[in-house]
Amino acid sequence: MNKLASFLIFCLITSAVLAQQPVPIKPRILVSTDIGGSDPDDNQSMAHLLMYSELFEMEGLVSSPSYGSGSKQEILRMIDLYEQDLPQLQKHKKGFPTPNYLRSISKQGRKGNAPFVGYTTATEGSNWIIKCAKMKSTQPIWVLAWGGLEDLAQALHDAPEIQSKIRVYWIGGPNKKWSANSYAYIAENFPNLWFIEVNSSYYGFFSDNHAIDSVKSSDYYGKYIKGAGQLGKDFKSYYNGEVKMGDTPSLLYMMDGDPHQPSRESWGGSFDQIRHSSRVVFNRITDIKDTVAFCAVVEFHFKGPEINIPADSVCFWMETPYKNTTQKWAGYYLGKGQYAIKYAPKQAEVLSYKFTSDIPNFPKQEGKLVVENLWPGKTQATDYKLGSNWYSDKSDPQLYDGKIQGGRTISKWRTSVGLDWAKRWEWLK
């Protein structure tokens, strides 16, 4: 083969990798985010969203922090930065939403996770989800969930008829730990919801695959973002400019091909249908002979002293190690001396835990649990049975990116996505 032929083949392959597939219709989207909380990658993803916002019918920006101090005010602050950069963006593309419009669709959702039952009372955010879902349209609204599911669960509880009007792409993983109660409520009561549950693939967008919480270092900020408008200046505030953007795959999914075909190749991943969501119930303390899938909903139920507090009240804690600290997960009183907690481990490990409480004669206990690196794992009688439109990370071993199930369905697009975004950063310089 001569050099010219080799070069042409290389160009064709490169073009195929870089090329986006057309999206059939501009999608309606509502973003639910915990921006401003403990993980600043939502700020990075919000910058990406705003810089590509002409591609979407933007209908909602809801603050839904199941954990941390996220708030609508942080969404509004990001819109202020966008407003300053908007004239430069408009020189290159038409159709960007106005800052005032974006402010009008920014809503405050629930702060903090839901109790054991999975829902509480309506919020501005949950009511806005209902309102958007009920708008007359020939297409559904996509709820892109970057944090907890509390407002989505509340909306479905208050208006179950909207189930057929919405599609969900959820960045689960750690968010499932914080939002286990609301997730369980949705999976148990709305199994026919159209739902893409991404528990691991999204790590492929930023991780070095050896440690799933790590952010792969690069010189992207220095090469493409530095000096690029107010959004670029602000970007340096998060991970010192290193690109994480763990929620951005939800946007990429809506930008590349037909979003109603989850098994397709796309910048935002490729997913398989699942017919069960792993749920394991223990009525005892576990040990290393007990094994669950990562991101399974693990329930512990046990008896203790009868106390005079309302049912579904937080009254004990499950403590688990996290790096050099300890995380505490709320446990609930169900009444008549019955106690319970839901927990969703985010990664393969041998998990150590203990239950603690200030209640006199509370059965303080310690245990271990082996977590396997395959979701959703083998079926069990206690699993949530799902309908035909629930999708999740591909389980093919060849698509693991190191420890990350399905990671290669996204990691292979990093360069294409980065170069495409670099063009827009250049517009702001």
Protein backbone atom coordinates (compact mmCIF):
# COMPACT_ATOMS: atom_id res chain seq x y z
CA MET A 1 0.00 0.00 0.00
CA ASN A 2 1.47 3.39 -0.98
CA LYS A 3 1.78 6.34 1.39
CA LEU A 4 -1.08 8.27 -0.23
CA ALA A 5 -3.52 5.38 0.19
CA SER A 6 -2.45 4.92 3.81
CA PHE A 7 -2.94 8.62 4.46
CA LEU A 8 -6.44 8.59 2.93
CA ILE A 9 -7.47 5.60 5.03
CA PHE A 10 -6.13 7.34 8.14
CA CYS A 11 -8.15 10.45 7.28
CA LEU A 12 -11.31 8.40 6.80
CA ILE A 13 -10.86 6.64 10.13
CA THR A 14 -10.13 9.92 11.91
CA SER A 15 -13.18 11.53 10.31
CA ALA A 16 -15.40 8.64 11.37
CA VAL A 17 -14.22 8.94 14.96
CA LEU A 18 -14.68 12.69 15.10
CA ALA A 19 -18.00 12.89 13.24
CA GLN A 20 -21.16 13.52 15.24
CA GLN A 21 -24.33 11.77 14.15
CA PRO A 22 -27.31 14.05 13.44
CA VAL A 23 -29.92 14.41 16.18
CA PRO A 24 -33.42 13.92 14.66
CA ILE A 25 -34.99 16.84 16.52
CA LYS A 26 -33.75 19.46 18.96
CA PRO A 27 -34.41 17.74 22.31
CA ARG A 28 -36.34 19.22 25.20
CA ILE A 29 -34.18 19.01 28.31
CA LEU A 30 -34.47 19.76 32.01
CA VAL A 31 -31.27 19.53 34.05
CA SER A 32 -31.43 18.56 37.72
CA THR A 33 -28.12 19.39 39.38
CA ASP A 34 -26.43 19.51 42.78
CA ILE A 35 -24.21 22.37 41.57
CA GLY A 36 -22.54 24.32 44.35
CA GLY A 37 -22.27 21.27 46.60
CA SER A 38 -19.32 19.14 47.59
CA ASP A 39 -18.25 18.18 44.04
CA PRO A 40 -17.49 21.15 41.76
CA ASP A 41 -17.62 19.13 38.55
CA ASP A 42 -21.23 20.28 38.14
CA ASN A 43 -19.89 23.80 37.58
CA GLN A 44 -17.70 22.50 34.78
CA SER A 45 -20.62 20.65 33.21
CA MET A 46 -22.82 23.74 33.54
CA ALA A 47 -20.23 25.75 31.60
CA HIS A 48 -20.31 23.10 28.88
CA LEU A 49 -24.13 23.14 28.82
CA LEU A 50 -24.32 26.92 28.51
CA MET A 51 -21.74 27.00 25.72
CA TYR A 52 -23.78 24.44 23.73
CA SER A 53 -27.24 25.58 24.83
CA GLU A 54 -28.38 26.46 21.31
CA LEU A 55 -28.56 22.71 20.61
CA PHE A 56 -31.36 22.14 23.13
CA GLU A 57 -34.83 23.29 23.98
CA MET A 58 -33.93 24.34 27.51
CA GLU A 59 -36.94 23.96 29.82
CA GLY A 60 -35.57 23.70 33.34
CA LEU A 61 -32.51 24.10 35.57
CA VAL A 62 -33.38 22.61 38.94
CA SER A 63 -31.16 22.65 42.01
CA SER A 64 -31.51 19.17 43.56
CA PRO A 65 -28.74 18.69 46.15
CA SER A 66 -29.41 15.42 47.98
CA TYR A 67 -26.10 16.12 49.71
CA GLY A 68 -24.08 19.27 50.29
CA SER A 69 -24.87 22.97 50.00
CA GLY A 70 -25.91 23.27 46.36
CA SER A 71 -28.51 25.90 45.50
CA LYS A 72 -30.30 27.76 42.73
CA GLN A 73 -28.08 30.76 43.46
CA GLU A 74 -25.10 28.89 42.03
CA ILE A 75 -27.02 28.22 38.83
CA LEU A 76 -27.81 31.93 38.61
CA ARG A 77 -24.16 32.83 39.16
CA MET A 78 -23.15 30.63 36.22
CA ILE A 79 -25.82 32.29 34.07
CA ASP A 80 -24.29 35.67 34.97
CA LEU A 81 -20.95 34.49 33.56
CA TYR A 82 -22.69 33.17 30.46
CA GLU A 83 -24.35 36.56 29.98
CA GLN A 84 -20.96 38.24 29.77
CA ASP A 85 -19.69 35.72 27.19
CA LEU A 86 -22.89 35.50 25.17
CA PRO A 87 -22.03 38.25 22.61
CA GLN A 88 -18.95 36.27 21.56
CA LEU A 89 -20.90 33.01 21.28
CA GLN A 90 -23.59 34.69 19.19
CA LYS A 91 -21.02 35.74 16.59
CA HIS A 92 -20.66 32.08 15.66
CA LYS A 93 -24.02 30.42 16.30
CA LYS A 94 -27.67 31.48 16.47
CA GLY A 95 -30.29 30.25 18.89
CA PHE A 96 -28.61 30.69 22.29
CA PRO A 97 -31.24 31.23 25.02
CA THR A 98 -31.30 34.61 26.69
CA PRO A 99 -29.93 34.90 30.23
CA ASN A 100 -33.27 36.17 31.50
CA TYR A 101 -35.04 33.15 30.04
CA LEU A 102 -32.55 30.82 31.73
CA ARG A 103 -33.10 32.62 35.02
CA SER A 104 -36.85 32.19 34.64
CA ILE A 105 -36.53 28.39 34.35
CA SER A 106 -34.08 28.04 37.27
CA LYS A 107 -35.85 26.49 40.26
CA GLN A 108 -34.97 25.37 43.77
CA GLY A 109 -35.61 21.73 44.55
CA ARG A 110 -35.24 19.72 47.72
CA LYS A 111 -32.14 20.27 49.83
CA GLY A 112 -31.08 16.99 51.42
CA ASN A 113 -32.07 13.42 50.71
CA ALA A 114 -35.51 11.92 51.11
CA PRO A 115 -36.51 9.68 54.05
CA PHE A 116 -36.85 5.92 53.84
CA VAL A 117 -40.14 6.06 51.94
CA GLY A 118 -38.40 7.98 49.11
CA TYR A 119 -40.37 11.24 48.92
CA THR A 120 -41.63 14.03 51.20
CA THR A 121 -43.39 17.21 50.07
CA ALA A 122 -43.48 19.16 46.81
CA THR A 123 -40.79 21.71 45.97
CA GLU A 124 -40.52 24.45 43.40
CA GLY A 125 -38.27 22.07 41.47
CA SER A 126 -40.56 19.03 41.58
CA ASN A 127 -43.56 21.15 40.57
CA TRP A 128 -41.55 22.53 37.64
CA ILE A 129 -40.77 18.98 36.45
CA ILE A 130 -44.51 18.26 36.47
CA LYS A 131 -45.32 21.48 34.63
CA CYS A 132 -42.73 20.80 31.92
CA ALA A 133 -43.84 17.18 31.52
CA LYS A 134 -47.45 18.27 31.02
CA MET A 135 -46.68 20.86 28.35
CA LYS A 136 -48.20 20.02 25.00
CA SER A 137 -45.46 18.67 22.76
CA THR A 138 -44.87 15.98 20.16
CA GLN A 139 -41.75 14.85 22.01
CA PRO A 140 -40.98 13.90 25.62
CA ILE A 141 -38.89 15.97 27.95
CA TRP A 142 -35.49 14.61 28.92
CA VAL A 143 -34.61 14.91 32.60
CA LEU A 144 -30.81 14.93 32.82
CA ALA A 145 -30.10 14.17 36.48
CA TRP A 146 -26.64 15.20 37.69
CA GLY A 147 -27.31 14.68 41.39
CA GLY A 148 -30.05 13.17 43.52
CA LEU A 149 -33.45 11.92 42.37
CA GLU A 150 -35.48 13.50 45.15
CA ASP A 151 -37.29 16.04 42.96
CA LEU A 152 -37.94 13.50 40.21
CA ALA A 153 -39.32 11.01 42.74
CA GLN A 154 -41.50 13.72 44.27
CA ALA A 155 -42.81 14.75 40.85
CA LEU A 156 -43.68 11.14 39.97
CA HIS A 157 -45.37 10.65 43.34
CA ASP A 158 -47.45 13.81 43.00
CA ALA A 159 -48.30 13.32 39.31
CA PRO A 160 -47.75 9.66 38.32
CA GLU A 161 -49.38 10.31 34.96
CA ILE A 162 -46.22 12.11 33.77
CA GLN A 163 -44.31 8.81 33.65
CA SER A 164 -45.01 8.42 29.92
CA LYS A 165 -44.02 12.03 29.18
CA ILE A 166 -40.42 11.94 30.38
CA ARG A 167 -37.11 10.26 29.60
CA VAL A 168 -34.33 10.13 32.19
CA TYR A 169 -30.54 10.00 31.86
CA TRP A 170 -29.15 9.74 35.38
CA ILE A 171 -25.54 9.93 36.50
CA GLY A 172 -25.80 7.42 39.34
CA GLY A 173 -22.76 5.93 41.07
CA PRO A 174 -22.03 8.12 44.11
CA ASN A 175 -25.32 9.95 43.59
CA LYS A 176 -27.08 6.63 44.16
CA LYS A 177 -25.48 6.42 47.61
CA TRP A 178 -26.95 9.77 48.58
CA SER A 179 -30.26 9.18 46.84
CA ALA A 180 -30.87 5.49 47.55
CA ASN A 181 -34.32 6.07 49.06
CA SER A 182 -35.67 8.06 46.11
CA TYR A 183 -34.09 5.68 43.60
CA ALA A 184 -35.73 2.72 45.36
CA TYR A 185 -39.10 4.46 45.31
CA ILE A 186 -38.85 5.09 41.55
CA ALA A 187 -37.59 1.60 40.67
CA GLU A 188 -40.27 -0.10 42.77
CA ASN A 189 -43.23 2.06 41.76
CA PHE A 190 -42.34 3.20 38.23
CA PRO A 191 -40.57 0.23 36.61
CA ASN A 192 -41.92 1.25 33.18
CA LEU A 193 -40.26 4.66 33.29
CA TRP A 194 -37.89 5.29 30.34
CA PHE A 195 -34.63 5.44 32.29
CA ILE A 196 -30.90 5.30 31.50
CA GLU A 197 -29.08 4.53 34.76
CA VAL A 198 -25.38 5.31 34.34
CA ASN A 199 -23.52 3.97 37.36
CA SER A 200 -20.02 3.64 35.93
CA SER A 201 -19.61 4.43 32.22
CA TYR A 202 -19.39 8.16 32.90
CA TYR A 203 -16.12 7.65 34.80
CA GLY A 204 -14.60 6.87 31.40
CA PHE A 205 -14.87 10.55 30.53
CA PHE A 206 -12.37 11.71 33.14
CA SER A 207 -10.82 8.87 35.18
CA ASP A 208 -7.39 7.31 34.78
CA ASN A 209 -9.24 3.97 35.33
CA HIS A 210 -6.96 2.82 38.14
CA ALA A 211 -8.80 4.77 40.82
CA ILE A 212 -12.35 5.69 39.83
CA ASP A 213 -12.40 8.91 41.87
CA SER A 214 -9.23 10.25 40.27
CA VAL A 215 -9.15 12.88 37.54
CA LYS A 216 -6.80 12.17 34.66
CA SER A 217 -4.37 15.06 34.38
CA SER A 218 -3.91 16.86 31.08
CA ASP A 219 -2.88 20.20 29.63
CA TYR A 220 -6.36 20.90 28.24
CA TYR A 221 -6.90 24.04 30.30
CA GLY A 222 -3.61 25.59 29.28
CA LYS A 223 -4.05 24.74 25.59
CA TYR A 224 -7.70 25.59 25.07
CA ILE A 225 -9.44 27.30 28.01
CA LYS A 226 -6.96 29.78 29.47
CA GLY A 227 -7.90 33.33 28.49
CA ALA A 228 -11.31 32.32 27.12
CA GLY A 229 -13.91 34.67 28.54
CA GLN A 230 -15.55 34.71 31.95
CA LEU A 231 -16.55 31.06 31.80
CA GLY A 232 -12.94 30.17 31.06
CA LYS A 233 -11.67 32.29 33.93
CA ASP A 234 -14.15 30.64 36.29
CA PHE A 235 -13.24 27.13 35.07
CA LYS A 236 -9.85 27.41 36.75
CA SER A 237 -11.64 27.42 40.13
CA TYR A 238 -12.56 23.74 39.82
CA TYR A 239 -9.86 21.06 40.11
CA ASN A 240 -7.38 23.78 39.13
CA GLY A 241 -8.72 23.57 35.60
CA GLU A 242 -8.40 19.81 35.19
CA VAL A 243 -11.41 18.53 33.25
CA LYS A 244 -13.67 16.20 35.22
CA MET A 245 -17.24 17.01 34.14
CA GLY A 246 -18.66 13.69 35.28
CA ASP A 247 -22.19 14.83 34.41
CA THR A 248 -21.37 16.01 30.88
CA PRO A 249 -21.96 12.57 29.29
CA SER A 250 -25.69 13.26 29.74
CA LEU A 251 -25.34 16.29 27.45
CA LEU A 252 -23.07 14.46 25.01
CA TYR A 253 -25.69 11.74 24.73
CA MET A 254 -28.25 14.33 23.61
CA MET A 255 -25.83 15.84 21.06
CA ASP A 256 -24.89 12.74 19.11
CA GLY A 257 -27.44 10.61 17.28
CA ASP A 258 -30.96 9.52 18.18
CA PRO A 259 -31.33 9.62 21.99
CA HIS A 260 -34.21 7.15 21.79
CA GLN A 261 -31.71 4.42 20.78
CA PRO A 262 -29.60 3.75 23.92
CA SER A 263 -27.64 0.85 22.44
CA ARG A 264 -26.18 3.03 19.67
CA GLU A 265 -22.63 4.37 19.67
CA SER A 266 -22.66 7.91 21.03
CA TRP A 267 -20.42 10.46 22.73
CA GLY A 268 -22.50 9.96 25.88
CA GLY A 269 -22.11 6.18 26.00
CA SER A 270 -23.82 3.04 24.81
CA PHE A 271 -26.17 1.06 27.05
CA ASP A 272 -27.88 -2.30 27.43
CA GLN A 273 -31.43 -3.00 28.52
CA ILE A 274 -31.67 -4.40 32.05
CA ARG A 275 -34.74 -6.14 33.44
CA HIS A 276 -33.82 -6.08 37.11
CA SER A 277 -32.19 -3.62 39.48
CA SER A 278 -30.23 -5.34 42.21
CA ARG A 279 -31.76 -5.15 45.69
CA VAL A 280 -30.58 -7.26 48.62
CA VAL A 281 -32.30 -7.32 52.01
CA PHE A 282 -30.47 -8.44 55.15
CA ASN A 283 -32.19 -9.05 58.49
CA ARG A 284 -28.83 -9.50 60.19
CA ILE A 285 -25.29 -8.19 60.28
CA THR A 286 -23.25 -9.40 57.29
CA ASP A 287 -19.69 -10.73 56.96
CA ILE A 288 -17.23 -11.49 54.15
CA LYS A 289 -19.32 -14.48 53.05
CA ASP A 290 -21.99 -12.01 51.88
CA THR A 291 -21.62 -10.49 48.39
CA VAL A 292 -23.57 -7.82 46.51
CA ALA A 293 -23.14 -5.95 43.22
CA PHE A 294 -21.78 -2.43 43.26
CA CYS A 295 -24.62 0.11 43.14
CA ALA A 296 -27.08 -2.48 44.46
CA VAL A 297 -29.63 -1.17 46.93
CA VAL A 298 -28.68 -2.94 50.15
CA GLU A 299 -31.26 -2.85 52.92
CA PHE A 300 -30.58 -3.69 56.54
CA HIS A 301 -33.59 -4.39 58.78
CA PHE A 302 -33.37 -5.18 62.46
CA LYS A 303 -35.26 -4.96 65.74
CA GLY A 304 -34.48 -2.60 68.59
CA PRO A 305 -36.16 -0.76 71.42
CA GLU A 306 -39.64 0.63 70.86
CA ILE A 307 -39.48 4.42 71.01
CA ASN A 308 -42.01 7.21 70.78
CA ILE A 309 -40.97 9.05 67.61
CA PRO A 310 -42.75 9.38 64.25
CA ALA A 311 -42.23 6.60 61.75
CA ASP A 312 -39.62 7.37 59.06
CA SER A 313 -37.60 9.49 61.48
CA VAL A 314 -33.79 9.48 61.33
CA CYS A 315 -32.59 7.87 64.55
CA PHE A 316 -29.39 5.93 63.83
CA TRP A 317 -26.40 6.02 61.51
CA MET A 318 -24.44 3.64 59.35
CA GLU A 319 -20.78 4.68 59.38
CA THR A 320 -18.47 3.67 56.53
CA PRO A 321 -14.82 4.61 55.85
CA TYR A 322 -14.06 6.99 52.99
CA LYS A 323 -10.41 7.80 52.27
CA ASN A 324 -9.16 9.29 55.56
CA THR A 325 -12.60 10.16 56.87
CA THR A 326 -15.88 8.51 57.86
CA GLN A 327 -19.17 8.94 56.06
CA LYS A 328 -22.47 8.68 57.93
CA TRP A 329 -25.69 7.43 56.35
CA ALA A 330 -29.10 8.03 57.88
CA GLY A 331 -31.11 5.09 59.23
CA TYR A 332 -34.82 5.23 60.02
CA TYR A 333 -37.35 4.11 62.59
CA LEU A 334 -40.25 2.29 60.91
CA GLY A 335 -42.31 1.91 64.08
CA LYS A 336 -42.98 -0.93 66.56
CA GLY A 337 -39.29 -1.44 67.28
CA GLN A 338 -38.35 -1.89 63.59
CA TYR A 339 -35.32 -0.09 62.14
CA ALA A 340 -34.07 0.03 58.53
CA ILE A 341 -31.61 1.69 56.17
CA LYS A 342 -30.89 1.62 52.43
CA TYR A 343 -27.30 1.87 51.21
CA ALA A 344 -25.79 1.68 47.71
CA PRO A 345 -22.03 0.93 47.53
CA LYS A 346 -20.48 2.72 44.57
CA GLN A 347 -17.45 0.49 43.89
CA ALA A 348 -15.95 -2.97 44.34
CA GLU A 349 -14.42 -3.35 47.79
CA VAL A 350 -14.65 -5.13 51.11
CA LEU A 351 -16.89 -2.68 52.93
CA SER A 352 -16.66 -2.26 56.68
CA TYR A 353 -19.54 -0.59 58.49
CA LYS A 354 -21.05 -0.06 61.89
CA PHE A 355 -24.40 1.14 63.23
CA THR A 356 -24.50 3.80 65.93
CA SER A 357 -27.22 5.71 67.75
CA ASP A 358 -27.87 7.77 70.88
CA ILE A 359 -30.96 5.69 71.63
CA PRO A 360 -30.57 3.76 74.90
CA ASN A 361 -30.16 0.01 74.39
CA PHE A 362 -29.80 0.45 70.63
CA PRO A 363 -28.09 -2.64 69.13
CA LYS A 364 -24.77 -1.12 68.07
CA GLN A 365 -23.15 -3.58 65.68
CA GLU A 366 -20.33 -3.87 63.13
CA GLY A 367 -20.05 -5.90 59.96
CA LYS A 368 -18.45 -6.38 56.57
CA LEU A 369 -19.77 -6.82 53.04
CA VAL A 370 -18.03 -7.86 49.81
CA VAL A 371 -18.95 -5.68 46.83
CA GLU A 372 -18.41 -7.15 43.35
CA ASN A 373 -17.46 -5.17 40.25
CA LEU A 374 -20.42 -6.14 38.06
CA TRP A 375 -23.76 -4.34 37.84
CA PRO A 376 -26.59 -5.36 38.10
CA GLY A 377 -25.20 -8.83 38.84
CA LYS A 378 -27.13 -12.05 39.32
CA THR A 379 -30.89 -11.93 39.84
CA GLN A 380 -32.44 -12.37 43.26
CA ALA A 381 -35.99 -12.62 44.49
CA THR A 382 -35.78 -9.23 46.21
CA ASP A 383 -34.65 -7.32 43.07
CA TYR A 384 -36.68 -4.50 41.59
CA LYS A 385 -38.33 -5.90 38.46
CA LEU A 386 -38.00 -3.44 35.58
CA GLY A 387 -39.93 -2.84 32.39
CA SER A 388 -38.62 -2.82 28.83
CA ASN A 389 -37.22 0.73 28.81
CA TRP A 390 -34.63 0.67 31.60
CA TYR A 391 -31.01 0.77 30.42
CA SER A 392 -27.61 0.77 32.08
CA ASP A 393 -23.85 0.34 31.62
CA LYS A 394 -22.75 -2.37 29.20
CA SER A 395 -21.38 -5.42 31.02
CA ASP A 396 -19.18 -6.81 28.22
CA PRO A 397 -15.71 -7.37 29.81
CA GLN A 398 -14.07 -5.93 26.68
CA LEU A 399 -15.79 -2.60 27.34
CA TYR A 400 -14.39 -2.18 30.84
CA ASP A 401 -11.94 0.71 31.06
CA GLY A 402 -9.71 -0.73 33.76
CA LYS A 403 -12.12 -1.09 36.69
CA ILE A 404 -14.88 0.89 35.01
CA GLN A 405 -17.80 -1.14 33.64
CA GLY A 406 -18.80 0.23 30.23
CA GLY A 407 -16.11 2.89 30.51
CA ARG A 408 -14.78 2.39 27.00
CA THR A 409 -18.14 3.31 25.48
CA ILE A 410 -17.34 6.87 26.60
CA SER A 411 -13.56 7.05 27.07
CA LYS A 412 -12.96 6.47 23.36
CA TRP A 413 -14.70 9.76 22.57
CA ARG A 414 -12.63 11.98 24.88
CA THR A 415 -10.47 13.40 22.10
CA SER A 416 -13.40 14.05 19.76
CA VAL A 417 -15.37 15.81 22.48
CA GLY A 418 -12.37 17.82 23.64
CA LEU A 419 -11.49 19.07 20.17
CA ASP A 420 -15.08 20.03 19.44
CA TRP A 421 -15.30 21.99 22.69
CA ALA A 422 -11.92 23.62 22.01
CA LYS A 423 -13.45 25.36 18.99
CA ARG A 424 -16.01 27.03 21.24
CA TRP A 425 -13.42 28.10 23.77
CA GLU A 426 -11.59 29.75 20.91
CA TRP A 427 -14.70 31.81 20.19
CA LEU A 428 -14.36 33.38 23.65
CA LYS A 429 -10.76 34.48 23.26
